[in-house]
């Protein structure tokens, strides 16, 4: 990969000045600096948050008693079927 020399850097700066204008470049540089500063502080804060902190374990203030499980009554079939009884003959004579 070719290296950038002084003439190439001057050419790139000249193109940037022509594209964006001399008036807008200081504002753009200022906002870029602010953004980088905010980004740097957020990264530092994240790295501080990732560090383990010794926090005391909080004990529950009230112990909940287990609730009784309500059981449903068994279903009773109103027409019980006697297993020894044969089903009625439902065929009609031919």
PDB file of N, CA and C in Angstrom:
ATOM      1  N   UNK A   1       0.850  -1.169   0.000  1.00  0.00           N
ATOM      2  CA  UNK A   1       0.000   0.000   0.000  1.00  0.00           C
ATOM      3  C   UNK A   1       0.896   1.233   0.000  1.00  0.00           C
ATOM      4  N   UNK A   2       0.618   2.171  -0.885  1.00  0.00           N
ATOM      5  CA  UNK A   2       1.478   3.360  -0.946  1.00  0.00           C
ATOM      6  C   UNK A   2       1.265   4.251   0.276  1.00  0.00           C
ATOM      7  N   UNK A   3       2.321   4.937   0.673  1.00  0.00           N
ATOM      8  CA  UNK A   3       2.233   5.846   1.820  1.00  0.00           C
ATOM      9  C   UNK A   3       1.815   7.225   1.350  1.00  0.00           C
ATOM     10  N   UNK A   4       1.172   7.956   2.245  1.00  0.00           N
ATOM     11  CA  UNK A   4       0.755   9.321   1.926  1.00  0.00           C
ATOM     12  C   UNK A   4       1.908  10.270   2.234  1.00  0.00           C
ATOM     13  N   UNK A   5       2.296  11.026   1.249  1.00  0.00           N
ATOM     14  CA  UNK A   5       3.352  12.012   1.427  1.00  0.00           C
ATOM     15  C   UNK A   5       2.749  13.389   1.660  1.00  0.00           C
ATOM     16  N   UNK A   6       3.585  14.370   1.775  1.00  0.00           N
ATOM     17  CA  UNK A   6       3.141  15.745   2.015  1.00  0.00           C
ATOM     18  C   UNK A   6       2.283  16.276   0.866  1.00  0.00           C
ATOM     19  N   UNK A   7       2.606  16.040  -0.386  1.00  0.00           N
ATOM     20  CA  UNK A   7       1.750  16.564  -1.460  1.00  0.00           C
ATOM     21  C   UNK A   7       0.344  15.948  -1.440  1.00  0.00           C
ATOM     22  N   UNK A   8       0.247  14.680  -1.124  1.00  0.00           N
ATOM     23  CA  UNK A   8      -1.069  14.041  -1.093  1.00  0.00           C
ATOM     24  C   UNK A   8      -1.918  14.584   0.052  1.00  0.00           C
ATOM     25  N   UNK A   9      -1.317  14.787   1.218  1.00  0.00           N
ATOM     26  CA  UNK A   9      -2.049  15.320   2.363  1.00  0.00           C
ATOM     27  C   UNK A   9      -2.531  16.740   2.077  1.00  0.00           C
ATOM     28  N   UNK A  10      -1.674  17.565   1.461  1.00  0.00           N
ATOM     29  CA  UNK A  10      -2.069  18.943   1.111  1.00  0.00           C
ATOM     30  C   UNK A  10      -3.220  18.910   0.116  1.00  0.00           C
ATOM     31  N   UNK A  11      -3.178  18.000  -0.831  1.00  0.00           N
ATOM     32  CA  UNK A  11      -4.247  17.879  -1.823  1.00  0.00           C
ATOM     33  C   UNK A  11      -5.572  17.482  -1.156  1.00  0.00           C
ATOM     34  N   UNK A  12      -5.530  16.549  -0.219  1.00  0.00           N
ATOM     35  CA  UNK A  12      -6.744  16.119   0.482  1.00  0.00           C
ATOM     36  C   UNK A  12      -7.320  17.265   1.311  1.00  0.00           C
ATOM     37  N   UNK A  13      -6.467  18.005   2.017  1.00  0.00           N
ATOM     38  CA  UNK A  13      -6.929  19.145   2.819  1.00  0.00           C
ATOM     39  C   UNK A  13      -7.547  20.205   1.918  1.00  0.00           C
ATOM     40  N   UNK A  14      -6.954  20.470   0.771  1.00  0.00           N
ATOM     41  CA  UNK A  14      -7.478  21.455  -0.172  1.00  0.00           C
ATOM     42  C   UNK A  14      -8.862  21.037  -0.683  1.00  0.00           C
ATOM     43  N   UNK A  15      -9.039  19.783  -0.999  1.00  0.00           N
ATOM     44  CA  UNK A  15     -10.339  19.275  -1.465  1.00  0.00           C
ATOM     45  C   UNK A  15     -11.390  19.410  -0.358  1.00  0.00           C
ATOM     46  N   UNK A  16     -11.017  19.088   0.878  1.00  0.00           N
ATOM     47  CA  UNK A  16     -11.950  19.202   1.997  1.00  0.00           C
ATOM     48  C   UNK A  16     -12.361  20.653   2.207  1.00  0.00           C
ATOM     49  N   UNK A  17     -11.420  21.573   2.131  1.00  0.00           N
ATOM     50  CA  UNK A  17     -11.737  22.999   2.297  1.00  0.00           C
ATOM     51  C   UNK A  17     -12.660  23.465   1.182  1.00  0.00           C
ATOM     52  N   UNK A  18     -12.419  23.026  -0.045  1.00  0.00           N
ATOM     53  CA  UNK A  18     -13.278  23.429  -1.155  1.00  0.00           C
ATOM     54  C   UNK A  18     -14.692  22.834  -1.028  1.00  0.00           C
ATOM     55  N   UNK A  19     -14.784  21.598  -0.576  1.00  0.00           N
ATOM     56  CA  UNK A  19     -16.095  20.957  -0.464  1.00  0.00           C
ATOM     57  C   UNK A  19     -16.940  21.538   0.661  1.00  0.00           C
ATOM     58  N   UNK A  20     -16.353  21.721   1.821  1.00  0.00           N
ATOM     59  CA  UNK A  20     -17.131  22.136   2.983  1.00  0.00           C
ATOM     60  C   UNK A  20     -17.098  23.629   3.248  1.00  0.00           C
ATOM     61  N   UNK A  21     -16.153  24.316   2.723  1.00  0.00           N
ATOM     62  CA  UNK A  21     -16.073  25.755   2.943  1.00  0.00           C
ATOM     63  C   UNK A  21     -15.291  26.074   4.201  1.00  0.00           C
ATOM     64  N   UNK A  22     -14.600  27.193   4.177  1.00  0.00           N
ATOM     65  CA  UNK A  22     -13.742  27.582   5.292  1.00  0.00           C
ATOM     66  C   UNK A  22     -14.557  27.985   6.517  1.00  0.00           C
ATOM     67  N   UNK A  23     -15.781  28.453   6.314  1.00  0.00           N
ATOM     68  CA  UNK A  23     -16.600  28.909   7.444  1.00  0.00           C
ATOM     69  C   UNK A  23     -17.124  27.722   8.271  1.00  0.00           C
ATOM     70  N   UNK A  24     -17.419  26.628   7.625  1.00  0.00           N
ATOM     71  CA  UNK A  24     -18.030  25.503   8.329  1.00  0.00           C
ATOM     72  C   UNK A  24     -17.008  24.557   8.949  1.00  0.00           C
ATOM     73  N   UNK A  25     -15.759  24.614   8.544  1.00  0.00           N
ATOM     74  CA  UNK A  25     -14.748  23.699   9.075  1.00  0.00           C
ATOM     75  C   UNK A  25     -14.492  23.865  10.575  1.00  0.00           C
ATOM     76  N   UNK A  26     -14.376  25.090  11.116  1.00  0.00           N
ATOM     77  CA  UNK A  26     -14.165  25.197  12.574  1.00  0.00           C
ATOM     78  C   UNK A  26     -15.335  24.634  13.381  1.00  0.00           C
ATOM     79  N   UNK A  27     -16.550  24.860  12.916  1.00  0.00           N
ATOM     80  CA  UNK A  27     -17.716  24.320  13.614  1.00  0.00           C
ATOM     81  C   UNK A  27     -17.723  22.789  13.557  1.00  0.00           C
ATOM     82  N   UNK A  28     -17.362  22.249  12.410  1.00  0.00           N
ATOM     83  CA  UNK A  28     -17.319  20.799  12.270  1.00  0.00           C
ATOM     84  C   UNK A  28     -16.241  20.202  13.167  1.00  0.00           C
ATOM     85  N   UNK A  29     -15.088  20.842  13.237  1.00  0.00           N
ATOM     86  CA  UNK A  29     -14.005  20.353  14.092  1.00  0.00           C
ATOM     87  C   UNK A  29     -14.397  20.452  15.562  1.00  0.00           C
ATOM     88  N   UNK A  30     -15.071  21.511  15.942  1.00  0.00           N
ATOM     89  CA  UNK A  30     -15.507  21.694  17.324  1.00  0.00           C
ATOM     90  C   UNK A  30     -16.526  20.613  17.715  1.00  0.00           C
ATOM     91  N   UNK A  31     -17.490  20.361  16.844  1.00  0.00           N
ATOM     92  CA  UNK A  31     -18.498  19.340  17.159  1.00  0.00           C
ATOM     93  C   UNK A  31     -17.882  17.938  17.172  1.00  0.00           C
ATOM     94  N   UNK A  32     -16.899  17.710  16.317  1.00  0.00           N
ATOM     95  CA  UNK A  32     -16.200  16.425  16.330  1.00  0.00           C
ATOM     96  C   UNK A  32     -15.430  16.243  17.636  1.00  0.00           C
ATOM     97  N   UNK A  33     -14.793  17.298  18.108  1.00  0.00           N
ATOM     98  CA  UNK A  33     -14.070  17.243  19.380  1.00  0.00           C
ATOM     99  C   UNK A  33     -15.008  16.972  20.546  1.00  0.00           C
ATOM    100  N   UNK A  34     -16.174  17.621  20.556  1.00  0.00           N
ATOM    101  CA  UNK A  34     -17.159  17.379  21.620  1.00  0.00           C
ATOM    102  C   UNK A  34     -17.634  15.929  21.588  1.00  0.00           C
ATOM    103  N   UNK A  35     -17.912  15.437  20.398  1.00  0.00           N
ATOM    104  CA  UNK A  35     -18.391  14.054  20.271  1.00  0.00           C
ATOM    105  C   UNK A  35     -17.343  13.072  20.772  1.00  0.00           C
ATOM    106  N   UNK A  36     -16.078  13.297  20.428  1.00  0.00           N
ATOM    107  CA  UNK A  36     -15.013  12.402  20.888  1.00  0.00           C
ATOM    108  C   UNK A  36     -14.846  12.473  22.404  1.00  0.00           C
ATOM    109  N   UNK A  37     -14.991  13.662  22.981  1.00  0.00           N
ATOM    110  CA  UNK A  37     -14.889  13.810  24.428  1.00  0.00           C
ATOM    111  C   UNK A  37     -16.013  13.050  25.136  1.00  0.00           C
ATOM    112  N   UNK A  38     -17.237  13.177  24.615  1.00  0.00           N
ATOM    113  CA  UNK A  38     -18.379  12.467  25.197  1.00  0.00           C
ATOM    114  C   UNK A  38     -18.178  10.967  25.067  1.00  0.00           C
ATOM    115  N   UNK A  39     -17.732  10.529  23.905  1.00  0.00           N
ATOM    116  CA  UNK A  39     -17.498   9.097  23.684  1.00  0.00           C
ATOM    117  C   UNK A  39     -16.453   8.561  24.659  1.00  0.00           C
ATOM    118  N   UNK A  40     -15.377   9.312  24.860  1.00  0.00           N
ATOM    119  CA  UNK A  40     -14.311   8.891  25.761  1.00  0.00           C
ATOM    120  C   UNK A  40     -14.814   8.786  27.195  1.00  0.00           C
ATOM    121  N   UNK A  41     -15.619   9.751  27.632  1.00  0.00           N
ATOM    122  CA  UNK A  41     -16.137   9.695  29.002  1.00  0.00           C
ATOM    123  C   UNK A  41     -17.113   8.538  29.179  1.00  0.00           C
ATOM    124  N   UNK A  42     -17.918   8.242  28.159  1.00  0.00           N
ATOM    125  CA  UNK A  42     -18.850   7.116  28.250  1.00  0.00           C
ATOM    126  C   UNK A  42     -18.111   5.783  28.295  1.00  0.00           C
ATOM    127  N   UNK A  43     -17.050   5.652  27.525  1.00  0.00           N
ATOM    128  CA  UNK A  43     -16.259   4.416  27.553  1.00  0.00           C
ATOM    129  C   UNK A  43     -15.612   4.242  28.923  1.00  0.00           C
ATOM    130  N   UNK A  44     -15.106   5.324  29.496  1.00  0.00           N
ATOM    131  CA  UNK A  44     -14.489   5.251  30.819  1.00  0.00           C
ATOM    132  C   UNK A  44     -15.528   4.877  31.869  1.00  0.00           C
ATOM    133  N   UNK A  45     -16.729   5.424  31.754  1.00  0.00           N
ATOM    134  CA  UNK A  45     -17.800   5.105  32.701  1.00  0.00           C
ATOM    135  C   UNK A  45     -18.233   3.645  32.571  1.00  0.00           C
ATOM    136  N   UNK A  46     -18.280   3.137  31.349  1.00  0.00           N
ATOM    137  CA  UNK A  46     -18.630   1.732  31.153  1.00  0.00           C
ATOM    138  C   UNK A  46     -17.591   0.812  31.763  1.00  0.00           C
ATOM    139  N   UNK A  47     -16.321   1.153  31.615  1.00  0.00           N
ATOM    140  CA  UNK A  47     -15.275   0.306  32.182  1.00  0.00           C
ATOM    141  C   UNK A  47     -15.323   0.345  33.707  1.00  0.00           C
ATOM    142  N   UNK A  48     -15.732   1.469  34.284  1.00  0.00           N
ATOM    143  CA  UNK A  48     -15.882   1.546  35.738  1.00  0.00           C
ATOM    144  C   UNK A  48     -17.095   0.751  36.201  1.00  0.00           C
ATOM    145  N   UNK A  49     -18.153   0.711  35.409  1.00  0.00           N
ATOM    146  CA  UNK A  49     -19.353  -0.036  35.768  1.00  0.00           C
ATOM    147  C   UNK A  49     -19.118  -1.537  35.697  1.00  0.00           C
ATOM    148  N   UNK A  50     -18.234  -1.989  34.830  1.00  0.00           N
ATOM    149  CA  UNK A  50     -17.971  -3.413  34.670  1.00  0.00           C
ATOM    150  C   UNK A  50     -17.177  -3.983  35.843  1.00  0.00           C
ATOM    151  N   UNK A  51     -16.481  -3.144  36.583  1.00  0.00           N
ATOM    152  CA  UNK A  51     -15.688  -3.620  37.706  1.00  0.00           C
ATOM    153  C   UNK A  51     -16.623  -4.125  38.794  1.00  0.00           C
ATOM    154  N   UNK A  52     -16.316  -5.276  39.395  1.00  0.00           N
ATOM    155  CA  UNK A  52     -17.202  -5.801  40.447  1.00  0.00           C
ATOM    156  C   UNK A  52     -17.175  -4.906  41.672  1.00  0.00           C
ATOM    157  N   UNK A  53     -18.330  -4.660  42.207  1.00  0.00           N
ATOM    158  CA  UNK A  53     -18.442  -3.819  43.382  1.00  0.00           C
ATOM    159  C   UNK A  53     -18.950  -4.672  44.535  1.00  0.00           C
ATOM    160  N   UNK A  54     -18.412  -4.429  45.715  1.00  0.00           N
ATOM    161  CA  UNK A  54     -18.832  -5.181  46.898  1.00  0.00           C
ATOM    162  C   UNK A  54     -20.104  -4.534  47.432  1.00  0.00           C
ATOM    163  N   UNK A  55     -21.232  -5.141  47.150  1.00  0.00           N
ATOM    164  CA  UNK A  55     -22.499  -4.630  47.660  1.00  0.00           C
ATOM    165  C   UNK A  55     -23.052  -5.654  48.640  1.00  0.00           C
ATOM    166  N   UNK A  56     -23.581  -5.194  49.760  1.00  0.00           N
ATOM    167  CA  UNK A  56     -24.135  -6.141  50.726  1.00  0.00           C
ATOM    168  C   UNK A  56     -25.396  -6.788  50.172  1.00  0.00           C
ATOM    169  N   UNK A  57     -25.582  -8.040  50.548  1.00  0.00           N
ATOM    170  CA  UNK A  57     -26.766  -8.764  50.106  1.00  0.00           C
ATOM    171  C   UNK A  57     -27.916  -8.348  51.008  1.00  0.00           C
ATOM    172  N   UNK A  58     -28.992  -7.922  50.401  1.00  0.00           N
ATOM    173  CA  UNK A  58     -30.141  -7.472  51.176  1.00  0.00           C
ATOM    174  C   UNK A  58     -31.023  -8.665  51.519  1.00  0.00           C
ATOM    175  N   UNK A  59     -31.362  -8.771  52.794  1.00  0.00           N
ATOM    176  CA  UNK A  59     -32.244  -9.821  53.251  1.00  0.00           C
ATOM    177  C   UNK A  59     -33.685  -9.369  53.065  1.00  0.00           C
ATOM    178  N   UNK A  60     -34.572 -10.285  52.718  1.00  0.00           N
ATOM    179  CA  UNK A  60     -35.967  -9.881  52.566  1.00  0.00           C
ATOM    180  C   UNK A  60     -36.529  -9.431  53.907  1.00  0.00           C
ATOM    181  N   UNK A  61     -37.375  -8.423  53.876  1.00  0.00           N
ATOM    182  CA  UNK A  61     -37.918  -7.879  55.115  1.00  0.00           C
ATOM    183  C   UNK A  61     -39.069  -8.722  55.639  1.00  0.00           C
ATOM    184  N   UNK A  62     -39.875  -9.292  54.767  1.00  0.00           N
ATOM    185  CA  UNK A  62     -41.001 -10.113  55.200  1.00  0.00           C
ATOM    186  C   UNK A  62     -40.920 -11.447  54.470  1.00  0.00           C
ATOM    187  N   UNK A  63     -41.090 -12.521  55.236  1.00  0.00           N
ATOM    188  CA  UNK A  63     -41.057 -13.846  54.643  1.00  0.00           C
ATOM    189  C   UNK A  63     -42.489 -14.238  54.301  1.00  0.00           C
ATOM    190  N   UNK A  64     -42.720 -14.606  53.078  1.00  0.00           N
ATOM    191  CA  UNK A  64     -44.056 -14.988  52.657  1.00  0.00           C
ATOM    192  C   UNK A  64     -44.286 -16.454  52.977  1.00  0.00           C
ATOM    193  N   UNK A  65     -45.440 -16.726  53.560  1.00  0.00           N
ATOM    194  CA  UNK A  65     -45.819 -18.095  53.860  1.00  0.00           C
ATOM    195  C   UNK A  65     -46.353 -18.742  52.595  1.00  0.00           C
ATOM    196  N   UNK A  66     -46.028 -20.021  52.378  1.00  0.00           N
ATOM    197  CA  UNK A  66     -46.559 -20.676  51.180  1.00  0.00           C
ATOM    198  C   UNK A  66     -48.076 -20.812  51.300  1.00  0.00           C
ATOM    199  N   UNK A  67     -48.729 -20.588  50.196  1.00  0.00           N
ATOM    200  CA  UNK A  67     -50.186 -20.685  50.183  1.00  0.00           C
ATOM    201  C   UNK A  67     -50.592 -22.126  49.934  1.00  0.00           C
ATOM    202  N   UNK A  68     -51.734 -22.510  50.507  1.00  0.00           N
ATOM    203  CA  UNK A  68     -52.233 -23.871  50.335  1.00  0.00           C
ATOM    204  C   UNK A  68     -52.766 -24.031  48.919  1.00  0.00           C
ATOM    205  N   UNK A  69     -52.468 -25.159  48.326  1.00  0.00           N
ATOM    206  CA  UNK A  69     -52.935 -25.435  46.977  1.00  0.00           C
ATOM    207  C   UNK A  69     -54.345 -26.009  47.084  1.00  0.00           C
ATOM    208  N   UNK A  70     -55.257 -25.386  46.409  1.00  0.00           N
ATOM    209  CA  UNK A  70     -56.638 -25.843  46.461  1.00  0.00           C
ATOM    210  C   UNK A  70     -56.812 -26.990  45.479  1.00  0.00           C
ATOM    211  N   UNK A  71     -57.317 -28.112  45.991  1.00  0.00           N
ATOM    212  CA  UNK A  71     -57.505 -29.277  45.148  1.00  0.00           C
ATOM    213  C   UNK A  71     -58.929 -29.295  44.637  1.00  0.00           C
ATOM    214  N   UNK A  72     -59.081 -29.710  43.394  1.00  0.00           N
ATOM    215  CA  UNK A  72     -60.416 -29.811  42.813  1.00  0.00           C
ATOM    216  C   UNK A  72     -60.998 -31.176  43.138  1.00  0.00           C
ATOM    217  N   UNK A  73     -62.311 -31.242  43.399  1.00  0.00           N
ATOM    218  CA  UNK A  73     -62.917 -32.537  43.717  1.00  0.00           C
ATOM    219  C   UNK A  73     -62.904 -33.433  42.488  1.00  0.00           C
ATOM    220  N   UNK A  74     -62.897 -34.748  42.686  1.00  0.00           N
ATOM    221  CA  UNK A  74     -62.889 -35.655  41.541  1.00  0.00           C
ATOM    222  C   UNK A  74     -64.203 -35.572  40.779  1.00  0.00           C
ATOM    223  N   UNK A  75     -64.139 -35.784  39.487  1.00  0.00           N
ATOM    224  CA  UNK A  75     -65.316 -35.734  38.632  1.00  0.00           C
ATOM    225  C   UNK A  75     -66.034 -37.083  38.726  1.00  0.00           C
ATOM    226  N   UNK A  76     -67.325 -37.027  39.011  1.00  0.00           N
ATOM    227  CA  UNK A  76     -68.119 -38.247  39.141  1.00  0.00           C
ATOM    228  C   UNK A  76     -69.016 -38.350  37.916  1.00  0.00           C
ATOM    229  N   UNK A  77     -68.960 -39.509  37.235  1.00  0.00           N
ATOM    230  CA  UNK A  77     -69.785 -39.732  36.054  1.00  0.00           C
ATOM    231  C   UNK A  77     -71.208 -40.088  36.508  1.00  0.00           C
ATOM    232  N   UNK A  78     -72.221 -39.355  36.053  1.00  0.00           N
ATOM    233  CA  UNK A  78     -73.585 -39.638  36.510  1.00  0.00           C
ATOM    234  C   UNK A  78     -74.133 -40.959  35.965  1.00  0.00           C
ATOM    235  N   UNK A  79     -73.609 -41.467  34.865  1.00  0.00           N
ATOM    236  CA  UNK A  79     -74.058 -42.727  34.267  1.00  0.00           C
ATOM    237  C   UNK A  79     -72.901 -43.715  34.233  1.00  0.00           C
ATOM    238  N   UNK A  80     -72.626 -44.357  35.334  1.00  0.00           N
ATOM    239  CA  UNK A  80     -71.495 -45.285  35.322  1.00  0.00           C
ATOM    240  C   UNK A  80     -71.804 -46.506  34.467  1.00  0.00           C
ATOM    241  N   UNK A  81     -70.768 -47.046  33.851  1.00  0.00           N
ATOM    242  CA  UNK A  81     -70.913 -48.210  32.983  1.00  0.00           C
ATOM    243  C   UNK A  81     -70.369 -49.418  33.730  1.00  0.00           C
ATOM    244  N   UNK A  82     -71.196 -50.485  33.801  1.00  0.00           N
ATOM    245  CA  UNK A  82     -70.763 -51.723  34.444  1.00  0.00           C
ATOM    246  C   UNK A  82     -69.943 -52.510  33.431  1.00  0.00           C
ATOM    247  N   UNK A  83     -68.662 -52.818  33.723  1.00  0.00           N
ATOM    248  CA  UNK A  83     -67.832 -53.505  32.731  1.00  0.00           C
ATOM    249  C   UNK A  83     -68.309 -54.926  32.444  1.00  0.00           C
ATOM    250  N   UNK A  84     -69.075 -55.509  33.321  1.00  0.00           N
ATOM    251  CA  UNK A  84     -69.563 -56.875  33.070  1.00  0.00           C
ATOM    252  C   UNK A  84     -70.809 -56.892  32.207  1.00  0.00           C
ATOM    253  N   UNK A  85     -71.453 -55.769  32.087  1.00  0.00           N
ATOM    254  CA  UNK A  85     -72.693 -55.698  31.312  1.00  0.00           C
ATOM    255  C   UNK A  85     -72.373 -55.529  29.838  1.00  0.00           C
ATOM    256  N   UNK A  86     -73.076 -56.249  28.970  1.00  0.00           N
ATOM    257  CA  UNK A  86     -72.919 -56.152  27.521  1.00  0.00           C
ATOM    258  C   UNK A  86     -73.670 -54.928  27.015  1.00  0.00           C
ATOM    259  N   UNK A  87     -73.114 -54.296  25.983  1.00  0.00           N
ATOM    260  CA  UNK A  87     -73.840 -53.149  25.440  1.00  0.00           C
ATOM    261  C   UNK A  87     -75.124 -53.622  24.760  1.00  0.00           C
ATOM    262  N   UNK A  88     -76.150 -52.784  24.764  1.00  0.00           N
ATOM    263  CA  UNK A  88     -77.397 -53.179  24.124  1.00  0.00           C
ATOM    264  C   UNK A  88     -77.216 -53.399  22.627  1.00  0.00           C
ATOM    265  N   UNK A  89     -78.012 -54.304  22.073  1.00  0.00           N
ATOM    266  CA  UNK A  89     -77.952 -54.614  20.651  1.00  0.00           C
ATOM    267  C   UNK A  89     -78.678 -53.504  19.894  1.00  0.00           C
ATOM    268  N   UNK A  90     -77.945 -52.740  19.139  1.00  0.00           N
ATOM    269  CA  UNK A  90     -78.545 -51.606  18.426  1.00  0.00           C
ATOM    270  C   UNK A  90     -78.786 -51.907  16.978  1.00  0.00           C
ATOM    271  N   UNK A  91     -78.453 -53.100  16.536  1.00  0.00           N
ATOM    272  CA  UNK A  91     -78.683 -53.458  15.118  1.00  0.00           C
ATOM    273  C   UNK A  91     -80.142 -53.799  14.913  1.00  0.00           C
ATOM    274  N   UNK A  92     -80.655 -53.378  13.777  1.00  0.00           N
ATOM    275  CA  UNK A  92     -82.038 -53.662  13.457  1.00  0.00           C
ATOM    276  C   UNK A  92     -82.113 -54.959  12.632  1.00  0.00           C
ATOM    277  N   UNK A  93     -83.155 -55.726  12.794  1.00  0.00           N
ATOM    278  CA  UNK A  93     -83.261 -56.970  12.002  1.00  0.00           C
ATOM    279  C   UNK A  93     -83.435 -56.666  10.533  1.00  0.00           C
ATOM    280  N   UNK A  94     -82.932 -57.508   9.720  1.00  0.00           N
ATOM    281  CA  UNK A  94     -82.996 -57.279   8.274  1.00  0.00           C
ATOM    282  C   UNK A  94     -84.137 -57.977   7.636  1.00  0.00           C
TER     283      UNK A  94
END
